[in-house]
């Protein structure tokens, strides 16, 4: 598995299963931290083939955030079981994200956010 970018055709098919974990990294091309984090994020995606890892450049796809401002990078989102389990900034240590993924379960309480329906938007972009 590799990371997906918004609009890739095979992403929609994967995301139609609402139970499948979605892991998104919101970053920016100009961000040095993001450039260093991306290969680690991609390597981590190999460890979790059951999840969809998506790399979102916030300047190329601002609609995916709606009115939410991203001020620090990387900002990550984990969704499973039809709900957001985590959304926030994380230190750029990939092992932190790995632990969070291992501990995220569909039955966990959802985090309330002001994010739009990102999974649905990614499906629409990929059709």
Protein backbone atom coordinates (compact mmCIF):
# COMPACT_ATOMS: atom_id res chain seq x y z
CA UNK A 1 0.00 0.00 0.00
CA UNK A 2 1.04 3.55 -0.57
CA UNK A 3 -0.40 6.89 0.35
CA UNK A 4 -3.22 8.32 -1.70
CA UNK A 5 -3.73 11.85 -2.93
CA UNK A 6 -7.19 13.42 -3.24
CA UNK A 7 -8.72 12.58 -6.61
CA UNK A 8 -7.05 9.21 -7.18
CA UNK A 9 -9.66 6.89 -8.75
CA UNK A 10 -8.94 3.81 -6.60
CA UNK A 11 -9.32 5.82 -3.39
CA UNK A 12 -13.11 6.10 -3.78
CA UNK A 13 -13.52 2.34 -3.93
CA UNK A 14 -11.52 1.88 -0.71
CA UNK A 15 -13.39 4.61 1.16
CA UNK A 16 -16.87 3.34 0.37
CA UNK A 17 -16.42 0.87 3.23
CA UNK A 18 -17.19 3.18 6.17
CA UNK A 19 -15.56 0.73 8.56
CA UNK A 20 -12.20 1.07 6.85
CA UNK A 21 -9.81 3.29 8.76
CA UNK A 22 -8.94 6.59 7.10
CA UNK A 23 -5.70 8.30 8.13
CA UNK A 24 -5.15 11.79 6.72
CA UNK A 25 -2.11 14.00 7.03
CA UNK A 26 -2.82 17.67 6.35
CA UNK A 27 0.39 19.38 5.27
CA UNK A 28 1.78 21.95 2.86
CA UNK A 29 4.37 21.63 0.11
CA UNK A 30 6.38 24.56 1.46
CA UNK A 31 6.68 23.01 4.94
CA UNK A 32 10.09 21.45 5.71
CA UNK A 33 8.59 19.36 8.51
CA UNK A 34 5.99 17.97 6.09
CA UNK A 35 8.61 17.07 3.50
CA UNK A 36 10.55 15.15 6.15
CA UNK A 37 7.39 13.49 7.51
CA UNK A 38 5.93 12.32 4.18
CA UNK A 39 8.30 9.35 3.57
CA UNK A 40 7.70 8.18 7.14
CA UNK A 41 3.93 8.49 6.66
CA UNK A 42 4.21 6.48 3.45
CA UNK A 43 6.33 3.81 5.15
CA UNK A 44 3.77 3.55 7.96
CA UNK A 45 1.03 2.95 5.39
CA UNK A 46 2.81 -0.29 4.49
CA UNK A 47 2.26 -1.48 8.07
CA UNK A 48 -1.51 -0.94 7.92
CA UNK A 49 -2.77 -2.24 4.54
CA UNK A 50 -6.33 -2.32 5.92
CA UNK A 51 -6.30 1.50 6.26
CA UNK A 52 -6.31 4.25 3.64
CA UNK A 53 -3.57 6.83 4.16
CA UNK A 54 -4.20 10.14 2.39
CA UNK A 55 -1.78 13.04 2.01
CA UNK A 56 -3.63 16.35 1.69
CA UNK A 57 -1.85 19.57 0.75
CA UNK A 58 -4.03 22.17 2.43
CA UNK A 59 -3.26 24.76 -0.21
CA UNK A 60 -4.30 22.46 -3.06
CA UNK A 61 -7.43 21.15 -1.28
CA UNK A 62 -8.65 23.75 1.23
CA UNK A 63 -12.27 22.61 0.86
CA UNK A 64 -11.43 19.39 2.69
CA UNK A 65 -10.96 21.45 5.85
CA UNK A 66 -14.03 23.64 5.47
CA UNK A 67 -13.70 26.52 7.93
CA UNK A 68 -11.08 24.76 10.07
CA UNK A 69 -7.66 26.43 10.09
CA UNK A 70 -4.51 24.32 10.22
CA UNK A 71 -1.81 26.28 11.96
CA UNK A 72 0.75 23.58 12.78
CA UNK A 73 2.09 20.58 10.91
CA UNK A 74 1.58 17.76 10.71
CA UNK A 75 -2.11 17.88 11.49
CA UNK A 76 -3.61 14.40 11.43
CA UNK A 77 -7.05 12.86 11.32
CA UNK A 78 -8.07 9.28 12.01
CA UNK A 79 -11.56 8.15 11.13
CA UNK A 80 -12.98 4.69 11.64
CA UNK A 81 -16.43 3.28 12.15
CA UNK A 82 -17.95 6.34 10.53
CA UNK A 83 -16.53 8.78 13.09
CA UNK A 84 -13.48 10.90 13.76
CA UNK A 85 -11.37 9.30 16.47
CA UNK A 86 -8.57 11.88 16.34
CA UNK A 87 -8.03 15.27 14.74
CA UNK A 88 -5.17 17.49 15.75
CA UNK A 89 -1.53 18.42 15.55
CA UNK A 90 1.04 15.84 16.49
CA UNK A 91 4.79 16.03 16.91
CA UNK A 92 6.41 14.72 13.72
CA UNK A 93 7.46 11.42 15.29
CA UNK A 94 5.84 8.66 13.24
CA UNK A 95 5.81 6.26 16.19
CA UNK A 96 3.23 8.52 17.89
CA UNK A 97 0.88 8.13 14.94
CA UNK A 98 1.56 4.40 14.85
CA UNK A 99 0.53 4.04 18.51
CA UNK A 100 -2.58 6.12 17.93
CA UNK A 101 -3.61 3.96 14.97
CA UNK A 102 -3.11 0.79 17.02
CA UNK A 103 -5.31 2.17 19.79
CA UNK A 104 -8.13 3.57 17.58
CA UNK A 105 -11.20 1.35 17.40
CA UNK A 106 -14.58 1.88 15.70
CA UNK A 107 -16.39 1.62 19.04
CA UNK A 108 -14.31 4.43 20.59
CA UNK A 109 -16.05 7.71 21.30
CA UNK A 110 -16.01 10.12 18.35
CA UNK A 111 -14.21 13.43 18.57
CA UNK A 112 -16.42 16.39 17.71
CA UNK A 113 -14.88 18.59 15.02
CA UNK A 114 -15.98 21.32 12.64
CA UNK A 115 -14.58 19.38 9.69
CA UNK A 116 -16.79 18.72 6.67
CA UNK A 117 -17.60 15.13 5.61
CA UNK A 118 -14.08 14.48 4.35
CA UNK A 119 -14.58 10.81 3.46
CA UNK A 120 -17.58 11.69 1.27
CA UNK A 121 -15.68 14.59 -0.31
CA UNK A 122 -12.71 12.34 -1.14
CA UNK A 123 -15.07 9.78 -2.71
CA UNK A 124 -16.67 12.49 -4.86
CA UNK A 125 -13.26 13.81 -5.91
CA UNK A 126 -12.15 10.31 -6.94
CA UNK A 127 -15.18 9.35 -9.04
